[in-house]
Amino acid sequence: MNDIDYIWRIHGYDVYYSNATNGGGDYFALEYMQVIKDWYPYKKFEKCLEWCSGPGFIGFGIYASLLCEKISFIDKYEPAVEQLNRTKTNKGRTDDTNVTVYHGDSLSIIPEDEQFDLIVCNHPQWNNEEDAKQLLGNDIDDHMRDILIDKEWAAHKDFFAQAKLRLSEKGVILLQENDTGSDAKVFEPMIKEAGLQIKSVGHSQMYENIYYLEVVHAKG
């Protein structure tokens, strides 16, 4: 088990994380949950998935806040996966069967019969290093490059194609994006190619550059 440096606590859940596994989700998770409450009032999703989850701030926040019945996570970074499993069994719990953890970099490893009603993520939001460096104001090491950069939007393209197969009929994808790296028009062609469509775009009320992209199955 890798070292645990910090605990982010929400509604009885101790979410374990370290500097190396924190991609900023601890800052964004509370607003993300508020956006879900505002956009889908009085709704409790049956099954939720957090893609590029890191230690799972957003997903565990949604689950602990009773916004979903079951939560799944997927991340490629082994220390983050270890921390997800640690959080899953914290406070002396036996293995929580409502929480599932996948280790990988593509939704293709998740069975197609695993259908989700809500998919969220705080994923790489720039397609080149220079734009990310301009915002952050410093150099990026290999690990931060993995967290921040989606070269030529390859991971986005794969995500939309695979998410189409794993999104329930009336399910929604709610992505957090950064307008210093993209706007919704960048993703529209790959979303359409996957058989999905953009339903709405909303700007963050707390963070200047953050916007939320809502995607659903294409009609017809």
C-alpha atoms as a PDB file:
ATOM      1  CA  MET A   1       0.000   0.000   0.000  1.00  0.00           C
ATOM      2  CA  ASN A   2       1.369   3.428  -0.938  1.00  0.00           C
ATOM      3  CA  ASP A   3       1.627   6.155   1.684  1.00  0.00           C
ATOM      4  CA  ILE A   4      -1.479   8.152   2.567  1.00  0.00           C
ATOM      5  CA  ASP A   5      -0.673  11.817   3.180  1.00  0.00           C
ATOM      6  CA  TYR A   6      -4.094  13.405   3.627  1.00  0.00           C
ATOM      7  CA  ILE A   7      -7.767  12.736   4.286  1.00  0.00           C
ATOM      8  CA  TRP A   8     -10.639  14.654   2.654  1.00  0.00           C
ATOM      9  CA  ARG A   9     -13.739  14.045   4.755  1.00  0.00           C
ATOM     10  CA  ILE A  10     -17.326  14.274   3.515  1.00  0.00           C
ATOM     11  CA  HIS A  11     -20.498  12.946   5.169  1.00  0.00           C
ATOM     12  CA  GLY A  12     -18.733  10.166   7.053  1.00  0.00           C
ATOM     13  CA  TYR A  13     -16.420   9.162   4.216  1.00  0.00           C
ATOM     14  CA  ASP A  14     -12.681   9.591   4.680  1.00  0.00           C
ATOM     15  CA  VAL A  15     -11.235   9.932   1.184  1.00  0.00           C
ATOM     16  CA  TYR A  16      -7.545   9.054   1.266  1.00  0.00           C
ATOM     17  CA  TYR A  17      -5.127  10.824  -1.060  1.00  0.00           C
ATOM     18  CA  SER A  18      -1.586  12.082  -1.528  1.00  0.00           C
ATOM     19  CA  ASN A  19      -0.008  15.001  -3.390  1.00  0.00           C
ATOM     20  CA  ALA A  20       0.849  12.645  -6.234  1.00  0.00           C
ATOM     21  CA  THR A  21      -2.751  11.486  -6.719  1.00  0.00           C
ATOM     22  CA  ASN A  22      -4.488  14.835  -6.256  1.00  0.00           C
ATOM     23  CA  GLY A  23      -5.399  16.364  -9.628  1.00  0.00           C
ATOM     24  CA  GLY A  24      -7.420  19.168  -8.046  1.00  0.00           C
ATOM     25  CA  GLY A  25     -10.601  17.256  -7.345  1.00  0.00           C
ATOM     26  CA  ASP A  26     -10.647  18.343  -3.713  1.00  0.00           C
ATOM     27  CA  TYR A  27     -11.179  21.934  -4.939  1.00  0.00           C
ATOM     28  CA  PHE A  28     -13.822  21.114  -7.543  1.00  0.00           C
ATOM     29  CA  ALA A  29     -15.844  18.320  -5.900  1.00  0.00           C
ATOM     30  CA  LEU A  30     -18.160  20.485  -3.793  1.00  0.00           C
ATOM     31  CA  GLU A  31     -19.157  22.668  -6.720  1.00  0.00           C
ATOM     32  CA  TYR A  32     -19.540  19.583  -8.925  1.00  0.00           C
ATOM     33  CA  MET A  33     -22.040  18.164  -6.447  1.00  0.00           C
ATOM     34  CA  GLN A  34     -23.905  21.470  -6.332  1.00  0.00           C
ATOM     35  CA  VAL A  35     -24.112  21.536 -10.138  1.00  0.00           C
ATOM     36  CA  ILE A  36     -25.632  18.039 -10.069  1.00  0.00           C
ATOM     37  CA  LYS A  37     -28.181  19.133  -7.461  1.00  0.00           C
ATOM     38  CA  ASP A  38     -29.062  22.265  -9.452  1.00  0.00           C
ATOM     39  CA  TRP A  39     -29.263  20.594 -12.866  1.00  0.00           C
ATOM     40  CA  TYR A  40     -31.080  17.458 -11.659  1.00  0.00           C
ATOM     41  CA  PRO A  41     -33.121  18.583  -8.629  1.00  0.00           C
ATOM     42  CA  TYR A  42     -34.523  15.886  -6.340  1.00  0.00           C
ATOM     43  CA  LYS A  43     -32.951  13.163  -8.481  1.00  0.00           C
ATOM     44  CA  LYS A  44     -30.948  10.235  -7.116  1.00  0.00           C
ATOM     45  CA  PHE A  45     -29.011   8.388  -9.789  1.00  0.00           C
ATOM     46  CA  GLU A  46     -28.865   4.618  -9.555  1.00  0.00           C
ATOM     47  CA  LYS A  47     -25.325   4.069 -10.881  1.00  0.00           C
ATOM     48  CA  CYS A  48     -22.601   6.660 -11.322  1.00  0.00           C
ATOM     49  CA  LEU A  49     -19.089   6.416 -12.797  1.00  0.00           C
ATOM     50  CA  GLU A  50     -16.130   8.739 -12.244  1.00  0.00           C
ATOM     51  CA  TRP A  51     -13.644   8.550 -15.135  1.00  0.00           C
ATOM     52  CA  CYS A  52     -10.001   9.598 -14.496  1.00  0.00           C
ATOM     53  CA  SER A  53     -11.007   9.526 -10.859  1.00  0.00           C
ATOM     54  CA  GLY A  54      -7.711   9.855  -9.051  1.00  0.00           C
ATOM     55  CA  PRO A  55      -8.570   9.175  -5.388  1.00  0.00           C
ATOM     56  CA  GLY A  56     -12.253   9.794  -6.083  1.00  0.00           C
ATOM     57  CA  PHE A  57     -13.131  13.163  -4.544  1.00  0.00           C
ATOM     58  CA  ILE A  58     -16.023  13.754  -6.938  1.00  0.00           C
ATOM     59  CA  GLY A  59     -17.390  10.213  -6.994  1.00  0.00           C
ATOM     60  CA  PHE A  60     -17.174   9.599  -3.247  1.00  0.00           C
ATOM     61  CA  GLY A  61     -18.648  13.063  -2.697  1.00  0.00           C
ATOM     62  CA  ILE A  62     -21.633  12.180  -4.895  1.00  0.00           C
ATOM     63  CA  TYR A  63     -22.032   8.814  -3.173  1.00  0.00           C
ATOM     64  CA  ALA A  64     -21.637  10.141   0.375  1.00  0.00           C
ATOM     65  CA  SER A  65     -24.105  12.952  -0.418  1.00  0.00           C
ATOM     66  CA  LEU A  66     -26.709  10.348  -1.422  1.00  0.00           C
ATOM     67  CA  LEU A  67     -26.871  11.579  -5.021  1.00  0.00           C
ATOM     68  CA  CYS A  68     -26.387   8.023  -6.303  1.00  0.00           C
ATOM     69  CA  GLU A  69     -27.056   4.478  -5.115  1.00  0.00           C
ATOM     70  CA  LYS A  70     -23.840   2.953  -6.502  1.00  0.00           C
ATOM     71  CA  ILE A  71     -20.529   4.455  -7.564  1.00  0.00           C
ATOM     72  CA  SER A  72     -17.740   3.134  -9.797  1.00  0.00           C
ATOM     73  CA  PHE A  73     -14.283   4.568 -10.424  1.00  0.00           C
ATOM     74  CA  ILE A  74     -11.694   4.109 -13.147  1.00  0.00           C
ATOM     75  CA  ASP A  75      -8.111   5.377 -13.127  1.00  0.00           C
ATOM     76  CA  LYS A  76      -4.846   4.192 -14.673  1.00  0.00           C
ATOM     77  CA  TYR A  77      -2.527   5.357 -11.865  1.00  0.00           C
ATOM     78  CA  GLU A  78      -1.899   2.472  -9.467  1.00  0.00           C
ATOM     79  CA  PRO A  79      -1.385   4.588  -6.302  1.00  0.00           C
ATOM     80  CA  ALA A  80      -4.769   6.248  -6.922  1.00  0.00           C
ATOM     81  CA  VAL A  81      -6.409   2.846  -7.353  1.00  0.00           C
ATOM     82  CA  GLU A  82      -4.882   1.707  -4.057  1.00  0.00           C
ATOM     83  CA  GLN A  83      -6.259   4.794  -2.327  1.00  0.00           C
ATOM     84  CA  LEU A  84      -9.707   4.247  -3.850  1.00  0.00           C
ATOM     85  CA  ASN A  85      -9.742   0.738  -2.416  1.00  0.00           C
ATOM     86  CA  ARG A  86      -8.543   2.053   0.947  1.00  0.00           C
ATOM     87  CA  THR A  87     -11.380   4.604   1.048  1.00  0.00           C
ATOM     88  CA  LYS A  88     -13.850   1.918  -0.020  1.00  0.00           C
ATOM     89  CA  THR A  89     -13.154  -0.045   3.159  1.00  0.00           C
ATOM     90  CA  ASN A  90     -12.385   2.778   5.600  1.00  0.00           C
ATOM     91  CA  LYS A  91     -13.754   3.148   9.126  1.00  0.00           C
ATOM     92  CA  GLY A  92     -13.737  -0.613   9.561  1.00  0.00           C
ATOM     93  CA  ARG A  93     -16.249  -1.262   6.786  1.00  0.00           C
ATOM     94  CA  THR A  94     -16.332  -4.607   5.102  1.00  0.00           C
ATOM     95  CA  ASP A  95     -16.011  -4.374   1.319  1.00  0.00           C
ATOM     96  CA  ASP A  96     -18.740  -1.972   0.128  1.00  0.00           C
ATOM     97  CA  THR A  97     -20.524  -3.760  -2.712  1.00  0.00           C
ATOM     98  CA  ASN A  98     -21.990  -0.445  -3.883  1.00  0.00           C
ATOM     99  CA  VAL A  99     -18.474   0.769  -4.743  1.00  0.00           C
ATOM    100  CA  THR A 100     -16.501  -0.670  -7.684  1.00  0.00           C
ATOM    101  CA  VAL A 101     -12.934   0.234  -8.654  1.00  0.00           C
ATOM    102  CA  TYR A 102     -11.441  -0.354 -12.114  1.00  0.00           C
ATOM    103  CA  HIS A 103      -7.730  -0.040 -12.916  1.00  0.00           C
ATOM    104  CA  GLY A 104      -7.143   1.115 -16.490  1.00  0.00           C
ATOM    105  CA  ASP A 105      -6.984   4.037 -18.922  1.00  0.00           C
ATOM    106  CA  SER A 106     -10.068   3.250 -21.033  1.00  0.00           C
ATOM    107  CA  LEU A 107     -13.715   2.479 -20.377  1.00  0.00           C
ATOM    108  CA  SER A 108     -13.231  -0.504 -22.691  1.00  0.00           C
ATOM    109  CA  ILE A 109     -12.173  -2.572 -19.659  1.00  0.00           C
ATOM    110  CA  ILE A 110     -15.648  -2.089 -18.122  1.00  0.00           C
ATOM    111  CA  PRO A 111     -18.210  -4.691 -19.282  1.00  0.00           C
ATOM    112  CA  GLU A 112     -20.705  -3.241 -21.759  1.00  0.00           C
ATOM    113  CA  ASP A 113     -23.598  -4.531 -19.670  1.00  0.00           C
ATOM    114  CA  GLU A 114     -22.414  -2.235 -16.859  1.00  0.00           C
ATOM    115  CA  GLN A 115     -24.729   0.701 -17.551  1.00  0.00           C
ATOM    116  CA  PHE A 116     -24.369   4.080 -15.842  1.00  0.00           C
ATOM    117  CA  ASP A 117     -26.963   6.812 -15.337  1.00  0.00           C
ATOM    118  CA  LEU A 118     -24.382   9.516 -14.616  1.00  0.00           C
ATOM    119  CA  ILE A 119     -20.733   9.770 -15.706  1.00  0.00           C
ATOM    120  CA  VAL A 120     -18.513  12.510 -14.261  1.00  0.00           C
ATOM    121  CA  CYS A 121     -14.813  13.346 -14.288  1.00  0.00           C
ATOM    122  CA  ASN A 122     -11.996  15.793 -13.646  1.00  0.00           C
ATOM    123  CA  HIS A 123      -9.780  14.595 -16.507  1.00  0.00           C
ATOM    124  CA  PRO A 124      -6.911  16.024 -18.633  1.00  0.00           C
ATOM    125  CA  GLN A 125      -8.261  19.317 -19.987  1.00  0.00           C
ATOM    126  CA  TRP A 126      -5.530  20.548 -22.346  1.00  0.00           C
ATOM    127  CA  ASN A 127      -4.313  18.973 -25.574  1.00  0.00           C
ATOM    128  CA  ASN A 128      -0.852  20.557 -25.469  1.00  0.00           C
ATOM    129  CA  GLU A 129       1.700  21.384 -22.837  1.00  0.00           C
ATOM    130  CA  GLU A 130       2.224  25.037 -23.733  1.00  0.00           C
ATOM    131  CA  ASP A 131      -1.387  26.039 -22.998  1.00  0.00           C
ATOM    132  CA  ALA A 132      -1.288  24.219 -19.668  1.00  0.00           C
ATOM    133  CA  LYS A 133       2.041  25.823 -18.722  1.00  0.00           C
ATOM    134  CA  GLN A 134       0.682  29.294 -19.524  1.00  0.00           C
ATOM    135  CA  LEU A 135      -2.143  28.818 -17.045  1.00  0.00           C
ATOM    136  CA  LEU A 136      -0.060  27.151 -14.336  1.00  0.00           C
ATOM    137  CA  GLY A 137       2.998  29.342 -14.818  1.00  0.00           C
ATOM    138  CA  ASN A 138       5.530  26.589 -14.322  1.00  0.00           C
ATOM    139  CA  ASP A 139       7.079  23.521 -15.927  1.00  0.00           C
ATOM    140  CA  ILE A 140       5.236  20.202 -15.974  1.00  0.00           C
ATOM    141  CA  ASP A 141       6.853  16.924 -14.941  1.00  0.00           C
ATOM    142  CA  ASP A 142       5.924  13.549 -16.444  1.00  0.00           C
ATOM    143  CA  HIS A 143       3.304  12.772 -13.804  1.00  0.00           C
ATOM    144  CA  MET A 144       1.588  16.167 -14.106  1.00  0.00           C
ATOM    145  CA  ARG A 145       1.692  15.762 -17.883  1.00  0.00           C
ATOM    146  CA  ASP A 146      -0.392  12.593 -17.483  1.00  0.00           C
ATOM    147  CA  ILE A 147      -2.866  14.439 -15.264  1.00  0.00           C
ATOM    148  CA  LEU A 148      -3.184  17.566 -17.423  1.00  0.00           C
ATOM    149  CA  ILE A 149      -2.492  16.745 -21.073  1.00  0.00           C
ATOM    150  CA  ASP A 150      -4.695  14.812 -23.506  1.00  0.00           C
ATOM    151  CA  LYS A 151      -2.604  14.970 -26.672  1.00  0.00           C
ATOM    152  CA  GLU A 152      -4.754  15.454 -29.795  1.00  0.00           C
ATOM    153  CA  TRP A 153      -7.751  14.725 -27.529  1.00  0.00           C
ATOM    154  CA  ALA A 154      -7.117  10.991 -27.932  1.00  0.00           C
ATOM    155  CA  ALA A 155      -8.468  10.097 -24.484  1.00  0.00           C
ATOM    156  CA  HIS A 156     -11.593  12.207 -25.066  1.00  0.00           C
ATOM    157  CA  LYS A 157     -12.259  10.447 -28.388  1.00  0.00           C
ATOM    158  CA  ASP A 158     -11.876   7.025 -26.790  1.00  0.00           C
ATOM    159  CA  PHE A 159     -13.979   8.088 -23.806  1.00  0.00           C
ATOM    160  CA  PHE A 160     -16.970   9.231 -25.871  1.00  0.00           C
ATOM    161  CA  ALA A 161     -16.865   6.119 -28.058  1.00  0.00           C
ATOM    162  CA  GLN A 162     -16.745   3.798 -25.049  1.00  0.00           C
ATOM    163  CA  ALA A 163     -19.148   5.834 -22.897  1.00  0.00           C
ATOM    164  CA  LYS A 164     -21.837   5.536 -25.574  1.00  0.00           C
ATOM    165  CA  LEU A 165     -21.870   1.764 -24.961  1.00  0.00           C
ATOM    166  CA  ARG A 166     -22.039   2.104 -21.178  1.00  0.00           C
ATOM    167  CA  LEU A 167     -24.474   4.991 -20.773  1.00  0.00           C
ATOM    168  CA  SER A 168     -28.007   3.997 -19.837  1.00  0.00           C
ATOM    169  CA  GLU A 169     -30.823   5.003 -22.166  1.00  0.00           C
ATOM    170  CA  LYS A 170     -31.633   8.182 -20.255  1.00  0.00           C
ATOM    171  CA  GLY A 171     -28.192   8.585 -18.712  1.00  0.00           C
ATOM    172  CA  VAL A 172     -26.111  11.771 -18.776  1.00  0.00           C
ATOM    173  CA  ILE A 173     -22.416  12.530 -19.053  1.00  0.00           C
ATOM    174  CA  LEU A 174     -21.412  15.660 -17.140  1.00  0.00           C
ATOM    175  CA  LEU A 175     -17.812  16.627 -17.887  1.00  0.00           C
ATOM    176  CA  GLN A 176     -15.834  19.409 -16.283  1.00  0.00           C
ATOM    177  CA  GLU A 177     -13.703  21.233 -18.866  1.00  0.00           C
ATOM    178  CA  ASN A 178     -11.404  24.293 -18.881  1.00  0.00           C
ATOM    179  CA  ASP A 179     -11.926  27.051 -21.419  1.00  0.00           C
ATOM    180  CA  THR A 180      -8.208  27.846 -21.554  1.00  0.00           C
ATOM    181  CA  GLY A 181      -7.808  24.430 -23.155  1.00  0.00           C
ATOM    182  CA  SER A 182     -11.013  23.993 -25.143  1.00  0.00           C
ATOM    183  CA  ASP A 183     -14.555  25.049 -25.841  1.00  0.00           C
ATOM    184  CA  ALA A 184     -17.548  22.812 -26.449  1.00  0.00           C
ATOM    185  CA  LYS A 185     -17.190  23.103 -30.242  1.00  0.00           C
ATOM    186  CA  VAL A 186     -13.866  21.232 -30.056  1.00  0.00           C
ATOM    187  CA  PHE A 187     -15.623  18.117 -28.766  1.00  0.00           C
ATOM    188  CA  GLU A 188     -18.817  18.306 -30.809  1.00  0.00           C
ATOM    189  CA  PRO A 189     -17.537  16.290 -33.832  1.00  0.00           C
ATOM    190  CA  MET A 190     -16.226  13.403 -31.717  1.00  0.00           C
ATOM    191  CA  ILE A 191     -19.407  13.421 -29.612  1.00  0.00           C
ATOM    192  CA  LYS A 192     -21.565  13.189 -32.737  1.00  0.00           C
ATOM    193  CA  GLU A 193     -19.357  10.457 -34.182  1.00  0.00           C
ATOM    194  CA  ALA A 194     -19.904   8.437 -31.007  1.00  0.00           C
ATOM    195  CA  GLY A 195     -23.699   8.692 -31.394  1.00  0.00           C
ATOM    196  CA  LEU A 196     -24.084  11.241 -28.612  1.00  0.00           C
ATOM    197  CA  GLN A 197     -25.071  14.893 -28.521  1.00  0.00           C
ATOM    198  CA  ILE A 198     -24.386  17.971 -26.426  1.00  0.00           C
ATOM    199  CA  LYS A 199     -27.477  18.841 -24.399  1.00  0.00           C
ATOM    200  CA  SER A 200     -26.191  21.908 -22.598  1.00  0.00           C
ATOM    201  CA  VAL A 201     -23.112  23.864 -21.536  1.00  0.00           C
ATOM    202  CA  GLY A 202     -22.908  25.777 -18.251  1.00  0.00           C
ATOM    203  CA  HIS A 203     -20.176  27.922 -16.729  1.00  0.00           C
ATOM    204  CA  SER A 204     -18.854  27.493 -13.217  1.00  0.00           C
ATOM    205  CA  GLN A 205     -20.117  29.951 -10.617  1.00  0.00           C
ATOM    206  CA  MET A 206     -16.910  29.607  -8.570  1.00  0.00           C
ATOM    207  CA  TYR A 207     -14.012  29.133 -10.987  1.00  0.00           C
ATOM    208  CA  GLU A 208     -13.327  31.549 -13.825  1.00  0.00           C
ATOM    209  CA  ASN A 209     -12.220  29.100 -16.508  1.00  0.00           C
ATOM    210  CA  ILE A 210     -14.312  26.023 -15.677  1.00  0.00           C
ATOM    211  CA  TYR A 211     -17.357  24.956 -17.668  1.00  0.00           C
ATOM    212  CA  TYR A 212     -19.592  21.882 -17.565  1.00  0.00           C
ATOM    213  CA  LEU A 213     -20.520  19.919 -20.679  1.00  0.00           C
ATOM    214  CA  GLU A 214     -23.686  17.822 -20.552  1.00  0.00           C
ATOM    215  CA  VAL A 215     -23.830  14.974 -23.102  1.00  0.00           C
ATOM    216  CA  VAL A 216     -26.643  12.474 -23.756  1.00  0.00           C
ATOM    217  CA  HIS A 217     -27.589   9.854 -26.334  1.00  0.00           C
ATOM    218  CA  ALA A 218     -28.402  11.372 -29.719  1.00  0.00           C
ATOM    219  CA  LYS A 219     -32.108  11.419 -30.508  1.00  0.00           C
ATOM    220  CA  GLY A 220     -33.339   9.111 -33.273  1.00  0.00           C
END
